[in-house]
Amino acid sequence: MTAQVSVLYFAKSVELTGLKEEDIAAVPTPISGLDLWRLLLQRHPRLSLLQGQVVLAVRQQYVAIGNQVVTLRDGDEVAVVPPLSGG
Protein backbone atom coordinates (compact mmCIF):
# COMPACT_ATOMS: atom_id res chain seq x y z
CA MET A 1 0.00 0.00 0.00
CA THR A 2 1.00 3.60 -0.48
CA ALA A 3 -0.16 6.96 0.84
CA GLN A 4 0.05 10.56 -0.32
CA VAL A 5 1.52 12.76 2.40
CA SER A 6 2.35 16.42 2.89
CA VAL A 7 5.88 17.02 4.10
CA LEU A 8 6.45 20.19 6.14
CA TYR A 9 9.97 21.53 6.48
CA PHE A 10 11.09 23.70 9.39
CA ALA A 11 14.10 25.86 10.24
CA LYS A 12 17.33 24.62 8.62
CA SER A 13 15.49 22.03 6.51
CA VAL A 14 13.72 24.89 4.67
CA GLU A 15 17.12 26.33 3.69
CA LEU A 16 18.41 22.95 2.55
CA THR A 17 15.36 21.99 0.46
CA GLY A 18 14.22 25.44 -0.66
CA LEU A 19 10.71 24.36 0.31
CA LYS A 20 8.38 24.87 3.24
CA GLU A 21 6.02 22.14 2.12
CA GLU A 22 5.60 19.53 -0.59
CA ASP A 23 3.24 16.71 -1.38
CA ILE A 24 4.72 13.28 -2.00
CA ALA A 25 2.59 10.63 -3.66
CA ALA A 26 2.96 6.89 -3.33
CA VAL A 27 4.93 6.69 -0.09
CA PRO A 28 5.08 3.02 0.96
CA THR A 29 3.16 2.24 4.14
CA PRO A 30 3.78 0.98 6.71
CA ILE A 31 7.29 2.44 6.66
CA SER A 32 10.08 2.72 9.22
CA GLY A 33 11.28 6.10 10.37
CA LEU A 34 14.65 5.33 8.80
CA ASP A 35 13.15 4.44 5.42
CA LEU A 36 11.01 7.58 5.50
CA TRP A 37 14.15 9.65 6.16
CA ARG A 38 15.96 7.87 3.30
CA LEU A 39 13.06 8.67 0.97
CA LEU A 40 13.38 12.36 1.87
CA LEU A 41 17.16 12.19 1.38
CA GLN A 42 16.67 10.81 -2.13
CA ARG A 43 14.51 13.83 -2.96
CA HIS A 44 16.75 16.34 -1.15
CA PRO A 45 20.33 15.06 -0.71
CA ARG A 46 21.36 18.25 1.14
CA LEU A 47 19.20 17.13 4.07
CA SER A 48 22.05 14.75 4.88
CA LEU A 49 23.67 17.73 6.64
CA LEU A 50 21.04 17.20 9.37
CA GLN A 51 21.72 13.46 9.71
CA GLY A 52 21.65 12.43 13.36
CA GLN A 53 20.12 15.74 14.47
CA VAL A 54 16.72 15.82 12.84
CA VAL A 55 13.50 14.27 14.08
CA LEU A 56 10.41 13.43 12.08
CA ALA A 57 6.84 13.85 13.23
CA VAL A 58 3.81 12.13 11.74
CA ARG A 59 0.41 13.45 12.77
CA GLN A 60 2.26 15.57 15.36
CA GLN A 61 3.80 12.49 16.99
CA TYR A 62 7.58 12.16 16.96
CA VAL A 63 8.95 9.22 15.00
CA ALA A 64 12.49 8.05 15.66
CA ILE A 65 14.75 7.72 12.62
CA GLY A 66 15.25 4.04 13.19
CA ASN A 67 13.24 0.83 13.16
CA GLN A 68 10.04 2.33 14.57
CA VAL A 69 7.31 1.65 12.00
CA VAL A 70 4.56 4.10 11.23
CA THR A 71 1.45 3.54 9.14
CA LEU A 72 0.78 6.50 6.87
CA ARG A 73 -2.65 7.51 5.63
CA ASP A 74 -3.53 9.72 2.69
CA GLY A 75 -3.31 13.34 3.74
CA ASP A 76 -0.98 12.76 6.69
CA GLU A 77 1.47 15.50 7.56
CA VAL A 78 5.11 14.54 7.99
CA ALA A 79 7.21 17.23 9.62
CA VAL A 80 10.99 17.48 9.34
CA VAL A 81 12.13 19.14 12.54
CA PRO A 82 15.83 20.00 12.76
CA PRO A 83 17.40 21.07 16.04
CA LEU A 84 16.23 24.51 17.04
CA SER A 85 19.00 26.97 17.71
CA GLY A 86 18.81 28.17 21.27
CA GLY A 87 19.86 31.45 22.78
PDB file of N, CA and C in Angstrom:
ATOM      1  N   MET A   1       0.826  -1.187   0.000  1.00  0.00           N
ATOM      2  CA  MET A   1       0.000   0.000   0.000  1.00  0.00           C
ATOM      3  C   MET A   1       0.873   1.254   0.000  1.00  0.00           C
ATOM      4  N   THR A   2       0.292   2.329  -0.489  1.00  0.00           N
ATOM      5  CA  THR A   2       0.999   3.604  -0.476  1.00  0.00           C
ATOM      6  C   THR A   2       0.045   4.693   0.008  1.00  0.00           C
ATOM      7  N   ALA A   3       0.627   5.821   0.384  1.00  0.00           N
ATOM      8  CA  ALA A   3      -0.165   6.963   0.837  1.00  0.00           C
ATOM      9  C   ALA A   3       0.419   8.235   0.244  1.00  0.00           C
ATOM     10  N   GLN A   4      -0.427   9.238   0.079  1.00  0.00           N
ATOM     11  CA  GLN A   4       0.055  10.559  -0.319  1.00  0.00           C
ATOM     12  C   GLN A   4       0.137  11.402   0.938  1.00  0.00           C
ATOM     13  N   VAL A   5       1.310  11.982   1.180  1.00  0.00           N
ATOM     14  CA  VAL A   5       1.518  12.764   2.397  1.00  0.00           C
ATOM     15  C   VAL A   5       2.007  14.165   2.055  1.00  0.00           C
ATOM     16  N   SER A   6       1.799  15.074   2.986  1.00  0.00           N
ATOM     17  CA  SER A   6       2.354  16.423   2.887  1.00  0.00           C
ATOM     18  C   SER A   6       3.549  16.488   3.822  1.00  0.00           C
ATOM     19  N   VAL A   7       4.683  16.907   3.285  1.00  0.00           N
ATOM     20  CA  VAL A   7       5.885  17.025   4.099  1.00  0.00           C
ATOM     21  C   VAL A   7       6.093  18.506   4.403  1.00  0.00           C
ATOM     22  N   LEU A   8       6.223  18.821   5.689  1.00  0.00           N
ATOM     23  CA  LEU A   8       6.451  20.186   6.135  1.00  0.00           C
ATOM     24  C   LEU A   8       7.894  20.302   6.600  1.00  0.00           C
ATOM     25  N   TYR A   9       8.573  21.326   6.111  1.00  0.00           N
ATOM     26  CA  TYR A   9       9.969  21.534   6.478  1.00  0.00           C
ATOM     27  C   TYR A   9      10.062  22.739   7.401  1.00  0.00           C
ATOM     28  N   PHE A  10      10.917  22.635   8.411  1.00  0.00           N
ATOM     29  CA  PHE A  10      11.087  23.700   9.388  1.00  0.00           C
ATOM     30  C   PHE A  10      12.553  24.078   9.527  1.00  0.00           C
ATOM     31  N   ALA A  11      12.769  25.334   9.895  1.00  0.00           N
ATOM     32  CA  ALA A  11      14.100  25.859  10.240  1.00  0.00           C
ATOM     33  C   ALA A  11      15.123  25.517   9.156  1.00  0.00           C
ATOM     34  N   LYS A  12      16.227  24.891   9.540  1.00  0.00           N
ATOM     35  CA  LYS A  12      17.330  24.620   8.623  1.00  0.00           C
ATOM     36  C   LYS A  12      16.892  23.765   7.429  1.00  0.00           C
ATOM     37  N   SER A  13      15.908  22.892   7.622  1.00  0.00           N
ATOM     38  CA  SER A  13      15.490  22.033   6.510  1.00  0.00           C
ATOM     39  C   SER A  13      14.841  22.843   5.388  1.00  0.00           C
ATOM     40  N   VAL A  14      14.271  24.011   5.710  1.00  0.00           N
ATOM     41  CA  VAL A  14      13.724  24.887   4.666  1.00  0.00           C
ATOM     42  C   VAL A  14      14.865  25.407   3.791  1.00  0.00           C
ATOM     43  N   GLU A  15      15.958  25.837   4.438  1.00  0.00           N
ATOM     44  CA  GLU A  15      17.121  26.333   3.689  1.00  0.00           C
ATOM     45  C   GLU A  15      17.688  25.239   2.775  1.00  0.00           C
ATOM     46  N   LEU A  16      17.763  24.031   3.288  1.00  0.00           N
ATOM     47  CA  LEU A  16      18.406  22.950   2.549  1.00  0.00           C
ATOM     48  C   LEU A  16      17.559  22.447   1.387  1.00  0.00           C
ATOM     49  N   THR A  17      16.231  22.499   1.528  1.00  0.00           N
ATOM     50  CA  THR A  17      15.359  21.995   0.459  1.00  0.00           C
ATOM     51  C   THR A  17      14.840  23.110  -0.437  1.00  0.00           C
ATOM     52  N   GLY A  18      14.820  24.342   0.081  1.00  0.00           N
ATOM     53  CA  GLY A  18      14.220  25.439  -0.664  1.00  0.00           C
ATOM     54  C   GLY A  18      12.701  25.399  -0.623  1.00  0.00           C
ATOM     55  N   LEU A  19      12.157  24.542   0.224  1.00  0.00           N
ATOM     56  CA  LEU A  19      10.707  24.359   0.312  1.00  0.00           C
ATOM     57  C   LEU A  19      10.239  24.469   1.750  1.00  0.00           C
ATOM     58  N   LYS A  20       9.010  24.939   1.925  1.00  0.00           N
ATOM     59  CA  LYS A  20       8.384  24.871   3.243  1.00  0.00           C
ATOM     60  C   LYS A  20       7.451  23.677   3.323  1.00  0.00           C
ATOM     61  N   GLU A  21       6.991  23.236   2.150  1.00  0.00           N
ATOM     62  CA  GLU A  21       6.020  22.141   2.123  1.00  0.00           C
ATOM     63  C   GLU A  21       6.030  21.511   0.748  1.00  0.00           C
ATOM     64  N   GLU A  22       5.788  20.215   0.698  1.00  0.00           N
ATOM     65  CA  GLU A  22       5.600  19.530  -0.589  1.00  0.00           C
ATOM     66  C   GLU A  22       4.732  18.306  -0.367  1.00  0.00           C
ATOM     67  N   ASP A  23       4.028  17.930  -1.417  1.00  0.00           N
ATOM     68  CA  ASP A  23       3.235  16.705  -1.380  1.00  0.00           C
ATOM     69  C   ASP A  23       4.031  15.602  -2.055  1.00  0.00           C
ATOM     70  N   ILE A  24       4.034  14.442  -1.432  1.00  0.00           N
ATOM     71  CA  ILE A  24       4.718  13.283  -1.999  1.00  0.00           C
ATOM     72  C   ILE A  24       3.683  12.177  -2.156  1.00  0.00           C
ATOM     73  N   ALA A  25       3.542  11.701  -3.375  1.00  0.00           N
ATOM     74  CA  ALA A  25       2.593  10.625  -3.658  1.00  0.00           C
ATOM     75  C   ALA A  25       3.287   9.278  -3.548  1.00  0.00           C
ATOM     76  N   ALA A  26       2.513   8.290  -3.281  1.00  0.00           N
ATOM     77  CA  ALA A  26       2.962   6.891  -3.333  1.00  0.00           C
ATOM     78  C   ALA A  26       4.112   6.598  -2.374  1.00  0.00           C
ATOM     79  N   VAL A  27       3.965   7.048  -1.134  1.00  0.00           N
ATOM     80  CA  VAL A  27       4.929   6.685  -0.094  1.00  0.00           C
ATOM     81  C   VAL A  27       4.512   5.310   0.437  1.00  0.00           C
ATOM     82  N   PRO A  28       5.442   4.347   0.467  1.00  0.00           N
ATOM     83  CA  PRO A  28       5.081   3.021   0.964  1.00  0.00           C
ATOM     84  C   PRO A  28       4.623   3.102   2.425  1.00  0.00           C
ATOM     85  N   THR A  29       3.622   2.294   2.755  1.00  0.00           N
ATOM     86  CA  THR A  29       3.159   2.240   4.139  1.00  0.00           C
ATOM     87  C   THR A  29       2.719   0.817   4.453  1.00  0.00           C
ATOM     88  N   PRO A  30       3.012   0.308   5.649  1.00  0.00           N
ATOM     89  CA  PRO A  30       3.781   0.979   6.712  1.00  0.00           C
ATOM     90  C   PRO A  30       5.248   1.153   6.312  1.00  0.00           C
ATOM     91  N   ILE A  31       5.903   2.109   6.974  1.00  0.00           N
ATOM     92  CA  ILE A  31       7.294   2.439   6.662  1.00  0.00           C
ATOM     93  C   ILE A  31       8.017   2.749   7.968  1.00  0.00           C
ATOM     94  N   SER A  32       9.297   2.391   8.018  1.00  0.00           N
ATOM     95  CA  SER A  32      10.077   2.716   9.222  1.00  0.00           C
ATOM     96  C   SER A  32      10.508   4.174   9.163  1.00  0.00           C
ATOM     97  N   GLY A  33      10.787   4.734  10.324  1.00  0.00           N
ATOM     98  CA  GLY A  33      11.283   6.104  10.371  1.00  0.00           C
ATOM     99  C   GLY A  33      12.539   6.269   9.531  1.00  0.00           C
ATOM    100  N   LEU A  34      13.411   5.256   9.564  1.00  0.00           N
ATOM    101  CA  LEU A  34      14.653   5.325   8.800  1.00  0.00           C
ATOM    102  C   LEU A  34      14.368   5.327   7.297  1.00  0.00           C
ATOM    103  N   ASP A  35      13.455   4.482   6.849  1.00  0.00           N
ATOM    104  CA  ASP A  35      13.149   4.440   5.418  1.00  0.00           C
ATOM    105  C   ASP A  35      12.455   5.722   4.965  1.00  0.00           C
ATOM    106  N   LEU A  36      11.653   6.305   5.824  1.00  0.00           N
ATOM    107  CA  LEU A  36      11.009   7.577   5.497  1.00  0.00           C
ATOM    108  C   LEU A  36      12.068   8.667   5.337  1.00  0.00           C
ATOM    109  N   TRP A  37      13.045   8.688   6.243  1.00  0.00           N
ATOM    110  CA  TRP A  37      14.149   9.654   6.159  1.00  0.00           C
ATOM    111  C   TRP A  37      14.935   9.439   4.863  1.00  0.00           C
ATOM    112  N   ARG A  38      15.213   8.162   4.532  1.00  0.00           N
ATOM    113  CA  ARG A  38      15.958   7.868   3.300  1.00  0.00           C
ATOM    114  C   ARG A  38      15.191   8.352   2.064  1.00  0.00           C
ATOM    115  N   LEU A  39      13.882   8.205   2.083  1.00  0.00           N
ATOM    116  CA  LEU A  39      13.062   8.674   0.966  1.00  0.00           C
ATOM    117  C   LEU A  39      13.213  10.192   0.814  1.00  0.00           C
ATOM    118  N   LEU A  40      13.210  10.904   1.930  1.00  0.00           N
ATOM    119  CA  LEU A  40      13.379  12.357   1.875  1.00  0.00           C
ATOM    120  C   LEU A  40      14.790  12.722   1.405  1.00  0.00           C
ATOM    121  N   LEU A  41      15.785  11.947   1.825  1.00  0.00           N
ATOM    122  CA  LEU A  41      17.162  12.194   1.379  1.00  0.00           C
ATOM    123  C   LEU A  41      17.312  11.991  -0.132  1.00  0.00           C
ATOM    124  N   GLN A  42      16.600  11.020  -0.682  1.00  0.00           N
ATOM    125  CA  GLN A  42      16.666  10.808  -2.132  1.00  0.00           C
ATOM    126  C   GLN A  42      16.143  12.038  -2.865  1.00  0.00           C
ATOM    127  N   ARG A  43      15.103  12.652  -2.330  1.00  0.00           N
ATOM    128  CA  ARG A  43      14.514  13.833  -2.961  1.00  0.00           C
ATOM    129  C   ARG A  43      15.363  15.077  -2.730  1.00  0.00           C
ATOM    130  N   HIS A  44      15.997  15.143  -1.552  1.00  0.00           N
ATOM    131  CA  HIS A  44      16.749  16.337  -1.148  1.00  0.00           C
ATOM    132  C   HIS A  44      18.058  15.914  -0.478  1.00  0.00           C
ATOM    133  N   PRO A  45      19.068  15.563  -1.277  1.00  0.00           N
ATOM    134  CA  PRO A  45      20.328  15.059  -0.708  1.00  0.00           C
ATOM    135  C   PRO A  45      20.968  16.003   0.314  1.00  0.00           C
ATOM    136  N   ARG A  46      20.732  17.304   0.195  1.00  0.00           N
ATOM    137  CA  ARG A  46      21.356  18.246   1.139  1.00  0.00           C
ATOM    138  C   ARG A  46      20.833  18.061   2.562  1.00  0.00           C
ATOM    139  N   LEU A  47      19.700  17.402   2.721  1.00  0.00           N
ATOM    140  CA  LEU A  47      19.199  17.133   4.070  1.00  0.00           C
ATOM    141  C   LEU A  47      20.170  16.267   4.873  1.00  0.00           C
ATOM    142  N   SER A  48      21.088  15.597   4.177  1.00  0.00           N
ATOM    143  CA  SER A  48      22.053  14.751   4.884  1.00  0.00           C
ATOM    144  C   SER A  48      22.889  15.561   5.876  1.00  0.00           C
ATOM    145  N   LEU A  49      22.957  16.880   5.688  1.00  0.00           N
ATOM    146  CA  LEU A  49      23.671  17.734   6.644  1.00  0.00           C
ATOM    147  C   LEU A  49      23.027  17.679   8.030  1.00  0.00           C
ATOM    148  N   LEU A  50      21.766  17.282   8.093  1.00  0.00           N
ATOM    149  CA  LEU A  50      21.045  17.203   9.367  1.00  0.00           C
ATOM    150  C   LEU A  50      21.049  15.798   9.961  1.00  0.00           C
ATOM    151  N   GLN A  51      21.706  14.870   9.273  1.00  0.00           N
ATOM    152  CA  GLN A  51      21.719  13.465   9.713  1.00  0.00           C
ATOM    153  C   GLN A  51      22.107  13.374  11.184  1.00  0.00           C
ATOM    154  N   GLY A  52      21.330  12.627  11.946  1.00  0.00           N
ATOM    155  CA  GLY A  52      21.645  12.434  13.356  1.00  0.00           C
ATOM    156  C   GLY A  52      21.148  13.554  14.252  1.00  0.00           C
ATOM    157  N   GLN A  53      20.599  14.614  13.672  1.00  0.00           N
ATOM    158  CA  GLN A  53      20.123  15.738  14.475  1.00  0.00           C
ATOM    159  C   GLN A  53      18.630  15.953  14.318  1.00  0.00           C
ATOM    160  N   VAL A  54      18.099  15.527  13.191  1.00  0.00           N
ATOM    161  CA  VAL A  54      16.722  15.825  12.839  1.00  0.00           C
ATOM    162  C   VAL A  54      15.772  14.799  13.451  1.00  0.00           C
ATOM    163  N   VAL A  55      14.542  15.222  13.711  1.00  0.00           N
ATOM    164  CA  VAL A  55      13.496  14.270  14.077  1.00  0.00           C
ATOM    165  C   VAL A  55      12.341  14.452  13.098  1.00  0.00           C
ATOM    166  N   LEU A  56      11.595  13.385  12.922  1.00  0.00           N
ATOM    167  CA  LEU A  56      10.409  13.427  12.076  1.00  0.00           C
ATOM    168  C   LEU A  56       9.181  13.363  12.975  1.00  0.00           C
ATOM    169  N   ALA A  57       8.111  13.958  12.513  1.00  0.00           N
ATOM    170  CA  ALA A  57       6.845  13.855  13.225  1.00  0.00           C
ATOM    171  C   ALA A  57       5.765  13.502  12.212  1.00  0.00           C
ATOM    172  N   VAL A  58       4.941  12.534  12.570  1.00  0.00           N
ATOM    173  CA  VAL A  58       3.809  12.132  11.737  1.00  0.00           C
ATOM    174  C   VAL A  58       2.556  12.340  12.565  1.00  0.00           C
ATOM    175  N   ARG A  59       1.622  13.106  12.024  1.00  0.00           N
ATOM    176  CA  ARG A  59       0.408  13.454  12.772  1.00  0.00           C
ATOM    177  C   ARG A  59       0.763  14.037  14.142  1.00  0.00           C
ATOM    178  N   GLN A  60       1.794  14.858  14.171  1.00  0.00           N
ATOM    179  CA  GLN A  60       2.261  15.574  15.362  1.00  0.00           C
ATOM    180  C   GLN A  60       2.769  14.633  16.459  1.00  0.00           C
ATOM    181  N   GLN A  61       3.164  13.429  16.075  1.00  0.00           N
ATOM    182  CA  GLN A  61       3.802  12.489  16.994  1.00  0.00           C
ATOM    183  C   GLN A  61       5.220  12.230  16.498  1.00  0.00           C
ATOM    184  N   TYR A  62       6.205  12.387  17.383  1.00  0.00           N
ATOM    185  CA  TYR A  62       7.579  12.157  16.959  1.00  0.00           C
ATOM    186  C   TYR A  62       7.801  10.706  16.566  1.00  0.00           C
ATOM    187  N   VAL A  63       8.587  10.535  15.500  1.00  0.00           N
ATOM    188  CA  VAL A  63       8.948   9.218  14.999  1.00  0.00           C
ATOM    189  C   VAL A  63      10.468   9.155  14.966  1.00  0.00           C
ATOM    190  N   ALA A  64      11.042   8.195  15.655  1.00  0.00           N
ATOM    191  CA  ALA A  64      12.494   8.049  15.664  1.00  0.00           C
ATOM    192  C   ALA A  64      12.971   7.639  14.270  1.00  0.00           C
ATOM    193  N   ILE A  65      14.144   8.152  13.894  1.00  0.00           N
ATOM    194  CA  ILE A  65      14.746   7.718  12.623  1.00  0.00           C
ATOM    195  C   ILE A  65      15.485   6.422  12.934  1.00  0.00           C
ATOM    196  N   GLY A  66      14.739   5.355  12.844  1.00  0.00           N
ATOM    197  CA  GLY A  66      15.252   4.039  13.191  1.00  0.00           C
ATOM    198  C   GLY A  66      14.242   3.006  12.745  1.00  0.00           C
ATOM    199  N   ASN A  67      14.092   1.952  13.552  1.00  0.00           N
ATOM    200  CA  ASN A  67      13.243   0.832  13.157  1.00  0.00           C
ATOM    201  C   ASN A  67      11.777   1.014  13.517  1.00  0.00           C
ATOM    202  N   GLN A  68      11.437   2.092  14.227  1.00  0.00           N
ATOM    203  CA  GLN A  68      10.038   2.334  14.567  1.00  0.00           C
ATOM    204  C   GLN A  68       9.222   2.433  13.278  1.00  0.00           C
ATOM    205  N   VAL A  69       8.138   1.684  13.218  1.00  0.00           N
ATOM    206  CA  VAL A  69       7.312   1.646  12.004  1.00  0.00           C
ATOM    207  C   VAL A  69       6.077   2.499  12.217  1.00  0.00           C
ATOM    208  N   VAL A  70       5.740   3.254  11.191  1.00  0.00           N
ATOM    209  CA  VAL A  70       4.555   4.099  11.233  1.00  0.00           C
ATOM    210  C   VAL A  70       3.691   3.754  10.021  1.00  0.00           C
ATOM    211  N   THR A  71       2.386   3.765  10.241  1.00  0.00           N
ATOM    212  CA  THR A  71       1.453   3.541   9.143  1.00  0.00           C
ATOM    213  C   THR A  71       0.936   4.896   8.686  1.00  0.00           C
ATOM    214  N   LEU A  72       1.196   5.211   7.437  1.00  0.00           N
ATOM    215  CA  LEU A  72       0.782   6.498   6.873  1.00  0.00           C
ATOM    216  C   LEU A  72      -0.584   6.365   6.220  1.00  0.00           C
ATOM    217  N   ARG A  73      -1.345   7.448   6.301  1.00  0.00           N
ATOM    218  CA  ARG A  73      -2.645   7.505   5.633  1.00  0.00           C
ATOM    219  C   ARG A  73      -2.622   8.681   4.668  1.00  0.00           C
ATOM    220  N   ASP A  74      -3.434   8.604   3.626  1.00  0.00           N
ATOM    221  CA  ASP A  74      -3.532   9.719   2.688  1.00  0.00           C
ATOM    222  C   ASP A  74      -3.828  11.011   3.446  1.00  0.00           C
ATOM    223  N   GLY A  75      -3.082  12.047   3.111  1.00  0.00           N
ATOM    224  CA  GLY A  75      -3.307  13.340   3.738  1.00  0.00           C
ATOM    225  C   GLY A  75      -2.521  13.575   5.011  1.00  0.00           C
ATOM    226  N   ASP A  76      -1.775  12.569   5.474  1.00  0.00           N
ATOM    227  CA  ASP A  76      -0.982  12.758   6.693  1.00  0.00           C
ATOM    228  C   ASP A  76       0.069  13.842   6.483  1.00  0.00           C
ATOM    229  N   GLU A  77       0.374  14.537   7.560  1.00  0.00           N
ATOM    230  CA  GLU A  77       1.467  15.503   7.557  1.00  0.00           C
ATOM    231  C   GLU A  77       2.692  14.864   8.187  1.00  0.00           C
ATOM    232  N   VAL A  78       3.815  14.989   7.481  1.00  0.00           N
ATOM    233  CA  VAL A  78       5.106  14.539   7.988  1.00  0.00           C
ATOM    234  C   VAL A  78       5.952  15.792   8.156  1.00  0.00           C
ATOM    235  N   ALA A  79       6.397  16.050   9.372  1.00  0.00           N
ATOM    236  CA  ALA A  79       7.207  17.235   9.625  1.00  0.00           C
ATOM    237  C   ALA A  79       8.673  16.846   9.786  1.00  0.00           C
ATOM    238  N   VAL A  80       9.545  17.647   9.180  1.00  0.00           N
ATOM    239  CA  VAL A  80      10.988  17.479   9.335  1.00  0.00           C
ATOM    240  C   VAL A  80      11.441  18.574  10.282  1.00  0.00           C
ATOM    241  N   VAL A  81      11.837  18.167  11.493  1.00  0.00           N
ATOM    242  CA  VAL A  81      12.129  19.135  12.544  1.00  0.00           C
ATOM    243  C   VAL A  81      13.608  19.045  12.915  1.00  0.00           C
ATOM    244  N   PRO A  82      14.414  19.982  12.395  1.00  0.00           N
ATOM    245  CA  PRO A  82      15.826  20.004  12.764  1.00  0.00           C
ATOM    246  C   PRO A  82      15.989  20.584  14.156  1.00  0.00           C
ATOM    247  N   PRO A  83      17.192  20.488  14.718  1.00  0.00           N
ATOM    248  CA  PRO A  83      17.397  21.071  16.040  1.00  0.00           C
ATOM    249  C   PRO A  83      17.142  22.576  15.976  1.00  0.00           C
ATOM    250  N   LEU A  84      16.477  23.076  16.986  1.00  0.00           N
ATOM    251  CA  LEU A  84      16.226  24.513  17.035  1.00  0.00           C
ATOM    252  C   LEU A  84      17.404  25.177  17.703  1.00  0.00           C
ATOM    253  N   SER A  85      17.871  26.261  17.106  1.00  0.00           N
ATOM    254  CA  SER A  85      19.002  26.967  17.709  1.00  0.00           C
ATOM    255  C   SER A  85      18.504  27.715  18.945  1.00  0.00           C
ATOM    256  N   GLY A  86      19.205  27.533  20.020  1.00  0.00           N
ATOM    257  CA  GLY A  86      18.809  28.172  21.267  1.00  0.00           C
ATOM    258  C   GLY A  86      19.599  29.434  21.509  1.00  0.00           C
ATOM    259  N   GLY A  87      19.159  30.213  22.485  1.00  0.00           N
ATOM    260  CA  GLY A  87      19.861  31.449  22.777  1.00  0.00           C
ATOM    261  C   GLY A  87      20.235  31.528  24.219  1.00  0.00           C
TER     262      GLY A  87
END
